Amino acid sequence: MKLNIQDTFNKELPADPITENYVRQVEQACFSFVTPTQTANPEIIHISPEMLENLGLSSDDALSEEFKKIFTGNLVLANTQPYAMCYGGHQFGNWAGQLGDGRAINLTEIVHNDKRWAIQLKGAGKTPYSRTADGLAVLRSSIREYLCSEAMFHLGVPTTRALSLALSGDEVLRDVLYNGNPAYEKGAIVSRIAPSFLRFGNYQILAVRNDIETLKTLVNYTIKHFYLEIEEPSKENYLKFFKKVAENSLEMVIHWQRVGFVHGVMNTDNMSILGLTIDYGPYGWLEGYDYGWTPNTTDSQHKRYRYGNQPNIVLWNLYQLANALYPLIEETEGLEQVLADFGTNFENKYLDMMRSKIGLFTQDENDQKLIQELENNLHLTETDMTIFYRNLSRFQKEKPEQGITIIQDAFYSSIEEFPKITEAWTKWFEKYSLRLQLEKETDTERAEKMNLVNPKYVLRNYMAQLAIDAADKGDYSLINELFNLLKNPYSEQEDQKKWFAKRPDWARNKVGCSMLSCSS
């Protein structure tokens, strides 16, 4: 098995001089060397063929004992030095100090077809940043991360990827509901892949500690490898770097809002410096359309990370990054302008995105009002977001009276008994019909375009939970079925229509199907 190893992070950045693996504060360093923990009886249970190819590996490689050992942490690749990153972060709005890779270990970086990939194992054992945790992961959370990161990529959402899902062969103790009833679960390891796993928190921890020399080294490294369009380091170019990070973060959250994805734990240590969706913990897809929904039990009271607040949180997190970069730029005007532009750019991009979702390809001064009225209507009764937008593509602009019939499958209960709701929808479809008269596309052409931005299939929490329940019994077929379904989320897939359905009643309050904890 041959990988084109070209490490940079652990070659070009300062390392923790202490090599023993015990929990500690790590200063004036970007990472600590650490070796993954040997596991009892590892077993690879799924591999992404696409990511295998992206790394320059073959299907024969994937079947080898060497592959299994490397991607479960039982064998360190020759000429590599695995490490865990040092970073801090704001968690739920409060500075939490040093955090770091508590259960993630970076194996190496490889280059294939001129693309750089960092390979990371999640759940491969303790690191100096594990604090009171064991550095391990359980099967349920690993299935969720594995399926979701690949599903998001095929939805067109910027994301980290996943190569493999494995059982460690060990048992792991977890308290799923944080209610004092821990139980042993199957241990698992996900191989996560991304150009880089750098987070806002990597820069924050250095600024907070006033380690400006290391901060400058890290920013220069990031620009050199991942923001190639920016020239030599300078105050002006550091500002350009921040502007690009803000633009990438904006693009990411616009996609989240488009597909109804709720991250659930948008702490600054979970914000990628490349604008990728990173760290799939208590995430969820909006099922009943609700700005106020969060999938995270820890967030259930204040709902800081609710669906409707995600863009504001990205901006808040960018403020924290701006504070971290200030010592290199030493003036606030440029940083403040980037942050101010974020709000304006979001409004414009969100409006364009929403136009595309409802099949408007020209601009009209009343579009924002039409979209706002639509979103108000979606809140009137529990309405499935994915089904609503997908079925809306069947609307015929000359037949507004058929609008409610077309979307009624998205309602969790009939609206016939609620005249005010029926009236609101009737009025909206009449306005929508008139607005579509201004478009040149036929109904068929409009439907085709809408179906490219409105997915038919998303990884609803109950679907992931079904795969988890089956896998707990040793049946991995549902993991494979969902993995392949979600490769083509915009396609009809006639033989898979059972997954184009509202959340079943049994899943409404079931653990793992609605709210999840950070340990999920």
Protein backbone atom coordinates (compact mmCIF):
# COMPACT_ATOMS: atom_id res chain seq x y z
CA MET A 1 0.00 0.00 0.00
CA LYS A 2 1.62 3.24 -1.18
CA LEU A 3 0.68 6.73 -0.06
CA ASN A 4 2.43 9.87 -1.31
CA ILE A 5 3.31 11.21 2.14
CA GLN A 6 4.15 14.91 2.26
CA ASP A 7 3.84 16.14 5.83
CA THR A 8 3.90 19.89 6.45
CA PHE A 9 2.01 20.65 9.68
CA ASN A 10 4.33 18.67 11.95
CA LYS A 11 7.42 19.70 9.96
CA GLU A 12 6.87 23.45 9.56
CA LEU A 13 5.18 24.35 12.85
CA PRO A 14 6.51 24.29 16.43
CA ALA A 15 5.97 21.04 18.33
CA ASP A 16 5.34 20.43 22.00
CA PRO A 17 8.80 19.45 23.32
CA ILE A 18 7.28 16.97 25.80
CA THR A 19 6.67 13.63 24.10
CA GLU A 20 5.00 11.76 26.99
CA ASN A 21 1.25 11.34 26.54
CA TYR A 22 -0.36 12.87 29.64
CA VAL A 23 -2.93 15.66 30.00
CA ARG A 24 -1.32 19.08 30.33
CA GLN A 25 -1.30 22.69 29.16
CA VAL A 26 0.73 22.91 25.96
CA GLU A 27 2.33 26.27 25.27
CA GLN A 28 4.33 27.82 22.42
CA ALA A 29 3.41 24.86 20.23
CA CYS A 30 0.79 24.02 17.61
CA PHE A 31 0.64 20.29 18.32
CA SER A 32 1.90 17.37 20.40
CA PHE A 33 3.28 14.12 19.02
CA VAL A 34 1.11 11.18 20.09
CA THR A 35 0.74 7.55 19.07
CA PRO A 36 -2.74 6.03 18.61
CA THR A 37 -3.84 3.45 21.17
CA GLN A 38 -3.60 -0.22 20.15
CA THR A 39 -7.04 -1.85 19.99
CA ALA A 40 -8.19 -5.38 20.81
CA ASN A 41 -9.74 -6.75 17.64
CA PRO A 42 -10.33 -4.07 14.99
CA GLU A 43 -12.69 -4.59 12.07
CA ILE A 44 -13.31 -2.28 9.09
CA ILE A 45 -17.06 -2.18 8.48
CA HIS A 46 -17.36 0.39 5.66
CA ILE A 47 -15.11 2.27 3.25
CA SER A 48 -15.84 5.19 0.94
CA PRO A 49 -14.70 4.12 -2.56
CA GLU A 50 -14.53 7.75 -3.65
CA MET A 51 -12.21 8.78 -0.82
CA LEU A 52 -10.12 5.67 -1.38
CA GLU A 53 -9.53 6.88 -4.94
CA ASN A 54 -8.88 10.47 -3.77
CA LEU A 55 -6.01 9.20 -1.63
CA GLY A 56 -4.54 7.10 -4.43
CA LEU A 57 -5.51 3.77 -2.88
CA SER A 58 -7.08 0.75 -4.57
CA SER A 59 -9.88 -1.59 -3.54
CA ASP A 60 -7.20 -4.26 -3.03
CA ASP A 61 -5.40 -1.92 -0.62
CA ALA A 62 -8.64 -1.55 1.34
CA LEU A 63 -8.84 -5.31 1.85
CA SER A 64 -5.30 -5.60 3.20
CA GLU A 65 -4.30 -6.21 6.80
CA GLU A 66 -2.01 -3.16 6.54
CA PHE A 67 -4.95 -0.88 5.66
CA LYS A 68 -6.96 -2.18 8.61
CA LYS A 69 -4.10 -1.65 11.03
CA ILE A 70 -3.25 1.86 9.80
CA PHE A 71 -6.83 3.15 9.77
CA THR A 72 -7.64 1.76 13.20
CA GLY A 73 -4.48 3.18 14.78
CA ASN A 74 -2.71 -0.15 15.21
CA LEU A 75 0.15 0.62 12.84
CA VAL A 76 2.00 3.88 12.33
CA LEU A 77 2.97 4.52 8.73
CA ALA A 78 6.70 4.50 8.06
CA ASN A 79 8.32 7.94 8.07
CA THR A 80 5.35 9.61 9.78
CA GLN A 81 4.83 11.13 13.23
CA PRO A 82 1.17 11.24 14.33
CA TYR A 83 0.10 14.24 16.39
CA ALA A 84 -2.80 16.00 18.09
CA MET A 85 -3.46 19.71 17.51
CA CYS A 86 -3.48 22.36 20.21
CA TYR A 87 -6.36 24.84 20.14
CA GLY A 88 -8.75 26.70 22.39
CA GLY A 89 -12.24 27.98 21.82
CA HIS A 90 -15.39 29.73 22.88
CA GLN A 91 -17.98 27.14 23.90
CA PHE A 92 -21.56 28.40 24.05
CA GLY A 93 -20.22 31.96 24.04
CA ASN A 94 -17.68 31.55 26.86
CA TRP A 95 -13.92 31.22 26.55
CA ALA A 96 -13.04 27.66 27.55
CA GLY A 97 -9.25 27.90 27.45
CA GLN A 98 -7.17 25.10 25.96
CA LEU A 99 -9.22 22.37 24.29
CA GLY A 100 -7.28 20.61 21.54
CA ASP A 101 -7.69 17.26 19.79
CA GLY A 102 -9.01 15.26 22.72
CA ARG A 103 -10.01 12.22 20.65
CA ALA A 104 -8.54 12.96 17.23
CA ILE A 105 -5.06 12.00 16.07
CA ASN A 106 -3.62 13.22 12.77
CA LEU A 107 -1.73 10.41 11.07
CA THR A 108 -0.14 12.17 8.13
CA GLU A 109 -0.67 14.34 5.05
CA ILE A 110 -0.63 12.95 1.55
CA VAL A 111 -0.76 14.51 -1.92
CA HIS A 112 -2.57 12.82 -4.78
CA ASN A 113 -3.55 14.37 -8.13
CA ASP A 114 -2.22 17.72 -6.86
CA LYS A 115 -4.61 17.68 -3.90
CA ARG A 116 -3.42 17.70 -0.30
CA TRP A 117 -5.27 15.58 2.25
CA ALA A 118 -4.74 15.33 5.99
CA ILE A 119 -5.69 11.93 7.42
CA GLN A 120 -7.09 11.88 10.94
CA LEU A 121 -8.45 9.16 13.20
CA LYS A 122 -11.29 10.03 15.55
CA GLY A 123 -11.60 7.75 18.56
CA ALA A 124 -8.04 6.41 18.50
CA GLY A 125 -7.15 7.12 22.12
CA LYS A 126 -5.99 9.69 24.64
CA THR A 127 -3.93 12.74 23.80
CA PRO A 128 -2.47 15.54 25.95
CA TYR A 129 -5.73 17.40 25.23
CA SER A 130 -8.17 14.72 26.41
CA ARG A 131 -8.75 16.44 29.78
CA THR A 132 -10.96 14.02 31.77
CA ALA A 133 -12.08 12.02 28.70
CA ASP A 134 -10.80 8.71 27.35
CA GLY A 135 -10.10 9.81 23.76
CA LEU A 136 -12.33 7.06 22.40
CA ALA A 137 -15.51 7.12 20.28
CA VAL A 138 -18.55 4.87 20.17
CA LEU A 139 -20.18 3.20 17.20
CA ARG A 140 -23.31 5.36 17.15
CA SER A 141 -21.47 8.70 16.95
CA SER A 142 -19.00 7.26 14.45
CA ILE A 143 -21.78 6.06 12.12
CA ARG A 144 -23.37 9.51 12.29
CA GLU A 145 -20.12 11.26 11.41
CA TYR A 146 -19.17 8.80 8.68
CA LEU A 147 -22.52 8.95 6.90
CA CYS A 148 -23.09 12.66 7.36
CA SER A 149 -19.75 13.99 6.17
CA GLU A 150 -20.02 12.06 2.91
CA ALA A 151 -23.73 12.95 2.53
CA MET A 152 -22.93 16.65 2.95
CA PHE A 153 -20.28 16.50 0.25
CA HIS A 154 -22.79 15.11 -2.25
CA LEU A 155 -25.29 17.80 -1.26
CA GLY A 156 -22.69 20.34 -2.38
CA VAL A 157 -21.94 21.58 1.15
CA PRO A 158 -18.29 22.37 2.02
CA THR A 159 -17.25 19.64 4.45
CA THR A 160 -14.58 17.36 5.82
CA ARG A 161 -14.82 13.86 4.37
CA ALA A 162 -14.57 10.31 5.71
CA LEU A 163 -12.60 7.34 4.39
CA SER A 164 -13.46 4.45 6.70
CA LEU A 165 -15.61 3.32 9.60
CA ALA A 166 -14.21 0.64 11.91
CA LEU A 167 -14.97 -1.19 15.12
CA SER A 168 -12.12 -0.98 17.59
CA GLY A 169 -13.08 -4.26 19.24
CA ASP A 170 -13.12 -2.51 22.63
CA GLU A 171 -16.02 -1.44 24.85
CA VAL A 172 -16.42 2.24 25.71
CA LEU A 173 -18.30 3.67 28.71
CA ARG A 174 -20.70 6.51 27.86
CA ASP A 175 -23.56 8.40 29.55
CA VAL A 176 -25.74 9.13 26.51
CA LEU A 177 -28.23 11.42 28.23
CA TYR A 178 -25.89 12.88 30.86
CA ASN A 179 -28.29 11.53 33.51
CA GLY A 180 -25.87 9.48 35.60
CA ASN A 181 -26.59 6.16 33.89
CA PRO A 182 -23.46 5.29 31.89
CA ALA A 183 -23.33 2.05 29.92
CA TYR A 184 -20.77 0.22 27.82
CA GLU A 185 -21.04 0.58 24.05
CA LYS A 186 -19.08 -0.67 21.06
CA GLY A 187 -15.97 1.39 20.41
CA ALA A 188 -15.35 2.68 16.88
CA ILE A 189 -12.89 4.73 14.84
CA VAL A 190 -13.62 7.00 11.88
CA SER A 191 -10.91 8.01 9.46
CA ARG A 192 -11.60 11.67 8.72
CA ILE A 193 -10.10 13.40 5.69
CA ALA A 194 -9.71 17.11 4.86
CA PRO A 195 -7.13 19.42 3.30
CA SER A 196 -6.61 20.67 6.87
CA PHE A 197 -8.35 20.37 10.23
CA LEU A 198 -7.27 23.85 11.38
CA ARG A 199 -9.95 25.66 13.38
CA PHE A 200 -10.51 29.23 14.58
CA GLY A 201 -9.44 27.99 18.00
CA ASN A 202 -5.93 27.13 16.78
CA TYR A 203 -5.30 30.87 16.30
CA GLN A 204 -7.30 32.01 19.33
CA ILE A 205 -5.27 30.02 21.86
CA LEU A 206 -2.02 31.62 20.66
CA ALA A 207 -3.45 35.16 20.74
CA VAL A 208 -4.94 34.66 24.22
CA ARG A 209 -1.54 33.48 25.46
CA ASN A 210 0.11 36.44 23.72
CA ASP A 211 2.31 34.02 21.77
CA ILE A 212 2.40 36.32 18.75
CA GLU A 213 5.47 34.70 17.21
CA THR A 214 3.79 31.27 16.97
CA LEU A 215 0.52 32.91 15.84
CA LYS A 216 2.37 34.60 12.97
CA THR A 217 4.07 31.33 12.05
CA LEU A 218 0.71 29.51 11.98
CA VAL A 219 -1.03 32.18 9.88
CA ASN A 220 1.89 32.24 7.43
CA TYR A 221 1.71 28.44 7.20
CA THR A 222 -2.06 28.56 6.54
CA ILE A 223 -1.72 31.15 3.79
CA LYS A 224 1.20 29.32 2.17
CA HIS A 225 -0.65 26.00 1.89
CA PHE A 226 -4.35 26.84 1.74
CA TYR A 227 -4.78 30.45 0.57
CA LEU A 228 -2.39 30.38 -2.36
CA GLU A 229 -3.96 33.45 -4.00
CA ILE A 230 -2.56 35.62 -1.19
CA GLU A 231 0.97 36.94 -1.68
CA GLU A 232 3.80 37.22 0.81
CA PRO A 233 2.92 37.81 4.49
CA SER A 234 2.11 41.43 5.36
CA LYS A 235 -0.48 43.28 7.44
CA GLU A 236 -2.46 43.96 4.29
CA ASN A 237 -2.39 40.30 3.29
CA TYR A 238 -3.32 39.12 6.78
CA LEU A 239 -6.47 41.21 6.34
CA LYS A 240 -7.04 39.61 2.93
CA PHE A 241 -6.70 36.23 4.63
CA PHE A 242 -9.38 37.14 7.17
CA LYS A 243 -11.64 38.36 4.38
CA LYS A 244 -11.30 35.04 2.53
CA VAL A 245 -12.02 33.06 5.71
CA ALA A 246 -15.17 35.17 6.21
CA GLU A 247 -16.26 34.56 2.60
CA ASN A 248 -15.71 30.81 2.89
CA SER A 249 -17.57 30.67 6.21
CA LEU A 250 -20.47 32.59 4.67
CA GLU A 251 -20.69 30.18 1.74
CA MET A 252 -20.76 27.25 4.17
CA VAL A 253 -23.62 28.59 6.30
CA ILE A 254 -25.68 29.59 3.25
CA HIS A 255 -25.50 25.93 2.18
CA TRP A 256 -26.51 24.82 5.68
CA GLN A 257 -29.60 27.01 5.53
CA ARG A 258 -30.38 25.80 1.99
CA VAL A 259 -30.54 22.13 2.89
CA GLY A 260 -31.88 22.57 6.43
CA PHE A 261 -28.76 21.36 8.24
CA VAL A 262 -28.32 22.34 11.90
CA HIS A 263 -24.79 21.84 13.23
CA GLY A 264 -25.80 21.90 16.87
CA VAL A 265 -22.49 22.94 18.45
CA MET A 266 -20.97 25.91 16.61
CA ASN A 267 -18.23 26.67 19.12
CA THR A 268 -15.19 28.47 17.71
CA ASP A 269 -13.17 25.27 18.03
CA ASN A 270 -15.68 23.70 15.61
CA MET A 271 -15.18 26.37 12.95
CA SER A 272 -12.85 25.36 10.11
CA ILE A 273 -10.38 27.97 8.89
CA LEU A 274 -11.17 26.68 5.37
CA GLY A 275 -14.94 27.14 5.70
CA LEU A 276 -15.65 23.41 5.90
CA THR A 277 -18.35 21.78 8.00
CA ILE A 278 -16.34 20.11 10.74
CA ASP A 279 -17.12 17.96 13.80
CA TYR A 280 -20.39 16.10 13.31
CA GLY A 281 -21.75 15.71 16.83
CA PRO A 282 -25.33 16.57 17.80
CA TYR A 283 -26.33 17.70 14.31
CA GLY A 284 -29.71 17.27 12.67
CA TRP A 285 -31.76 18.12 9.62
CA LEU A 286 -34.70 20.42 10.00
CA GLU A 287 -37.78 18.24 9.69
CA GLY A 288 -40.57 20.42 11.02
CA TYR A 289 -39.61 23.88 9.64
CA ASP A 290 -38.63 25.89 12.71
CA TYR A 291 -36.08 28.71 13.09
CA GLY A 292 -35.85 27.84 16.79
CA TRP A 293 -34.92 24.18 16.49
CA THR A 294 -31.62 22.85 17.80
CA PRO A 295 -30.68 19.15 17.93
CA ASN A 296 -28.36 19.64 20.92
CA THR A 297 -29.71 18.75 24.38
CA THR A 298 -27.02 20.95 25.95
CA ASP A 299 -28.42 23.89 23.97
CA SER A 300 -32.10 23.17 24.59
CA GLN A 301 -32.61 26.02 27.06
CA HIS A 302 -30.95 28.98 25.36
CA LYS A 303 -30.99 27.59 21.79
CA ARG A 304 -27.86 29.54 20.90
CA TYR A 305 -27.15 27.23 17.97
CA ARG A 306 -30.71 27.00 16.62
CA TYR A 307 -31.29 26.82 12.86
CA GLY A 308 -32.33 30.46 12.45
CA ASN A 309 -29.35 31.75 14.43
CA GLN A 310 -26.57 29.91 12.58
CA PRO A 311 -25.59 32.86 10.34
CA ASN A 312 -25.38 35.16 13.39
CA ILE A 313 -23.18 32.63 15.18
CA VAL A 314 -20.81 32.38 12.20
CA LEU A 315 -20.48 36.18 12.38
CA TRP A 316 -19.96 36.08 16.17
CA ASN A 317 -17.25 33.45 15.68
CA LEU A 318 -15.60 35.61 13.02
CA TYR A 319 -15.46 38.45 15.56
CA GLN A 320 -13.48 36.15 17.84
CA LEU A 321 -11.12 35.24 14.99
CA ALA A 322 -10.71 38.95 14.18
CA ASN A 323 -9.66 39.54 17.80
CA ALA A 324 -7.12 36.73 17.49
CA LEU A 325 -5.65 38.12 14.26
CA TYR A 326 -5.59 41.74 15.46
CA PRO A 327 -2.02 41.53 16.87
CA LEU A 328 -0.77 40.78 13.33
CA ILE A 329 -2.84 43.51 11.64
CA GLU A 330 -2.78 46.15 14.38
CA GLU A 331 -5.70 48.17 13.05
CA THR A 332 -9.42 47.63 13.51
CA GLU A 333 -10.89 49.45 10.52
CA GLY A 334 -10.22 46.72 7.96
CA LEU A 335 -11.37 43.94 10.28
CA GLU A 336 -14.55 45.85 11.15
CA GLN A 337 -15.29 46.36 7.46
CA VAL A 338 -15.01 42.65 6.72
CA LEU A 339 -17.40 41.91 9.60
CA ALA A 340 -19.84 44.60 8.45
CA ASP A 341 -19.71 43.25 4.89
CA PHE A 342 -20.58 39.77 6.17
CA GLY A 343 -24.06 40.92 7.20
CA THR A 344 -24.76 42.65 3.89
CA ASN A 345 -23.35 39.79 1.85
CA PHE A 346 -25.39 37.28 3.83
CA GLU A 347 -28.64 39.11 3.10
CA ASN A 348 -27.88 39.20 -0.63
CA LYS A 349 -26.67 35.61 -0.87
CA TYR A 350 -29.53 34.29 1.26
CA LEU A 351 -32.07 36.05 -0.96
CA ASP A 352 -30.45 34.61 -4.10
CA MET A 353 -30.35 31.14 -2.52
CA MET A 354 -34.03 31.33 -1.55
CA ARG A 355 -34.94 32.52 -5.04
CA SER A 356 -33.26 29.42 -6.44
CA LYS A 357 -35.17 27.19 -4.01
CA ILE A 358 -38.53 28.49 -5.26
CA GLY A 359 -37.58 28.72 -8.92
CA LEU A 360 -36.97 32.45 -9.40
CA PHE A 361 -34.08 33.15 -11.74
CA THR A 362 -34.58 36.88 -12.23
CA GLN A 363 -34.87 39.59 -9.60
CA ASP A 364 -37.95 41.54 -8.57
CA GLU A 365 -38.25 44.18 -5.85
CA ASN A 366 -40.99 42.20 -4.09
CA ASP A 367 -39.04 38.92 -3.89
CA GLN A 368 -37.88 39.44 -0.31
CA LYS A 369 -41.46 40.03 0.84
CA LEU A 370 -42.69 36.93 -1.03
CA ILE A 371 -39.97 34.80 0.58
CA GLN A 372 -40.63 36.21 4.05
CA GLU A 373 -44.34 35.41 3.69
CA LEU A 374 -43.40 31.88 2.60
CA GLU A 375 -41.20 31.38 5.67
CA ASN A 376 -43.97 32.75 7.91
CA ASN A 377 -46.39 30.22 6.40
CA LEU A 378 -43.95 27.36 6.92
CA HIS A 379 -44.13 28.11 10.66
CA LEU A 380 -47.95 28.05 10.84
CA THR A 381 -48.12 24.29 11.27
CA GLU A 382 -45.45 21.59 11.49
CA THR A 383 -44.18 21.34 7.93
CA ASP A 384 -41.40 19.10 6.66
CA MET A 385 -38.79 21.32 5.00
CA THR A 386 -37.28 18.79 2.59
CA ILE A 387 -40.61 17.46 1.31
CA PHE A 388 -42.10 20.95 1.00
CA TYR A 389 -39.38 22.37 -1.24
CA ARG A 390 -39.02 19.20 -3.30
CA ASN A 391 -42.75 19.01 -3.98
CA LEU A 392 -42.97 22.73 -4.71
CA SER A 393 -41.12 22.04 -7.97
CA ARG A 394 -44.33 20.36 -9.23
CA PHE A 395 -46.25 23.66 -9.01
CA GLN A 396 -47.74 24.86 -12.30
CA LYS A 397 -47.76 28.63 -12.56
CA GLU A 398 -51.12 28.73 -14.34
CA LYS A 399 -52.81 26.67 -11.61
CA PRO A 400 -52.34 28.38 -8.24
CA GLU A 401 -55.44 26.63 -6.87
CA GLN A 402 -53.49 23.35 -6.89
CA GLY A 403 -50.72 24.68 -4.65
CA ILE A 404 -51.94 23.26 -1.32
CA THR A 405 -52.61 19.86 -2.91
CA ILE A 406 -49.02 19.72 -4.16
CA ILE A 407 -47.44 20.48 -0.78
CA GLN A 408 -49.90 18.79 1.60
CA ASP A 409 -47.66 15.72 2.03
CA ALA A 410 -45.22 18.01 3.87
CA PHE A 411 -47.71 18.80 6.64
CA TYR A 412 -47.55 16.64 9.77
CA SER A 413 -51.30 17.14 10.24
CA SER A 414 -54.06 18.21 7.89
CA ILE A 415 -54.70 21.96 7.61
CA GLU A 416 -58.27 21.52 6.36
CA GLU A 417 -59.68 22.29 9.81
CA PHE A 418 -57.67 25.52 10.06
CA PRO A 419 -59.18 28.10 7.70
CA LYS A 420 -56.65 30.79 8.58
CA ILE A 421 -53.72 28.56 7.62
CA THR A 422 -55.48 27.47 4.41
CA GLU A 423 -56.20 31.10 3.56
CA ALA A 424 -52.57 32.13 4.16
CA TRP A 425 -51.32 29.42 1.82
CA THR A 426 -53.97 30.18 -0.83
CA LYS A 427 -52.95 33.85 -0.88
CA TRP A 428 -49.28 32.97 -1.05
CA PHE A 429 -49.73 30.62 -4.01
CA GLU A 430 -51.67 33.32 -5.86
CA LYS A 431 -48.75 35.75 -5.38
CA TYR A 432 -46.26 33.04 -6.29
CA SER A 433 -48.16 32.26 -9.48
CA LEU A 434 -48.11 35.92 -10.51
CA ARG A 435 -44.39 36.19 -9.77
CA LEU A 436 -43.64 33.11 -11.89
CA GLN A 437 -45.30 34.81 -14.86
CA LEU A 438 -42.21 37.06 -14.96
CA GLU A 439 -39.92 34.06 -15.55
CA LYS A 440 -39.15 32.65 -18.99
CA GLU A 441 -38.74 29.00 -17.87
CA THR A 442 -41.51 26.51 -18.52
CA ASP A 443 -42.87 24.59 -15.55
CA THR A 444 -40.68 21.61 -16.54
CA GLU A 445 -37.52 23.70 -16.91
CA ARG A 446 -38.15 25.40 -13.57
CA ALA A 447 -38.71 22.04 -11.84
CA GLU A 448 -35.42 20.69 -13.17
CA LYS A 449 -33.52 23.69 -11.83
CA MET A 450 -35.28 23.63 -8.45
CA ASN A 451 -34.53 19.94 -8.04
CA LEU A 452 -30.80 20.69 -8.33
CA VAL A 453 -30.87 22.80 -5.13
CA ASN A 454 -33.68 21.13 -3.16
CA PRO A 455 -32.57 17.62 -2.14
CA LYS A 456 -35.00 14.73 -2.13
CA TYR A 457 -32.98 12.74 0.41
CA VAL A 458 -31.17 13.96 3.51
CA LEU A 459 -29.78 12.06 6.50
CA ARG A 460 -32.65 12.49 8.92
CA ASN A 461 -31.75 11.54 12.48
CA TYR A 462 -34.19 8.63 12.57
CA MET A 463 -32.53 7.17 9.45
CA ALA A 464 -29.11 7.33 11.10
CA GLN A 465 -30.59 5.79 14.25
CA LEU A 466 -32.02 2.85 12.29
CA ALA A 467 -28.55 2.21 10.86
CA ILE A 468 -27.08 2.47 14.37
CA ASP A 469 -29.61 0.04 15.85
CA ALA A 470 -28.91 -2.49 13.08
CA ALA A 471 -25.14 -2.08 13.40
CA ASP A 472 -25.33 -2.69 17.15
CA LYS A 473 -26.64 -6.15 16.21
CA GLY A 474 -23.85 -6.69 13.67
CA ASP A 475 -25.92 -5.79 10.57
CA TYR A 476 -24.13 -3.12 8.50
CA SER A 477 -26.36 -3.34 5.42
CA LEU A 478 -28.33 -0.21 6.32
CA ILE A 479 -25.14 1.81 6.65
CA ASN A 480 -24.33 0.78 3.09
CA GLU A 481 -27.87 1.47 1.83
CA LEU A 482 -27.93 4.99 3.28
CA PHE A 483 -24.37 5.67 2.15
CA ASN A 484 -25.34 4.91 -1.46
CA LEU A 485 -28.71 6.67 -1.24
CA LEU A 486 -27.07 9.88 -0.06
CA LYS A 487 -24.53 9.87 -2.88
CA ASN A 488 -27.34 11.07 -5.15
CA PRO A 489 -29.53 13.26 -2.93
CA TYR A 490 -31.05 15.22 -5.81
CA SER A 491 -32.00 12.18 -7.91
CA GLU A 492 -35.44 10.55 -7.81
CA GLN A 493 -34.12 7.02 -7.04
CA GLU A 494 -37.49 5.34 -7.59
CA ASP A 495 -36.48 2.24 -5.62
CA GLN A 496 -35.64 4.32 -2.51
CA LYS A 497 -38.78 6.42 -2.12
CA LYS A 498 -39.42 5.02 1.35
CA TRP A 499 -36.75 7.47 2.55
CA PHE A 500 -38.65 10.44 1.07
CA ALA A 501 -41.04 10.62 3.98
CA LYS A 502 -41.74 12.61 7.11
CA ARG A 503 -40.20 11.53 10.40
CA PRO A 504 -42.32 8.66 11.75
CA ASP A 505 -44.21 9.16 15.02
CA TRP A 506 -42.06 6.62 16.87
CA ALA A 507 -39.00 8.79 16.21
CA ARG A 508 -40.44 12.06 17.52
CA ASN A 509 -39.06 11.69 21.04
CA LYS A 510 -36.78 8.66 20.72
CA VAL A 511 -33.19 9.13 21.90
CA GLY A 512 -30.98 9.82 18.88
CA CYS A 513 -33.89 10.71 16.61
CA SER A 514 -34.68 14.23 17.78
CA MET A 515 -32.31 15.67 20.37
CA LEU A 516 -28.75 14.48 20.90
CA SER A 517 -26.05 15.17 23.45
CA CYS A 518 -22.52 16.34 22.66
CA SER A 519 -21.33 12.79 23.40
CA SER A 520 -23.53 11.50 20.58
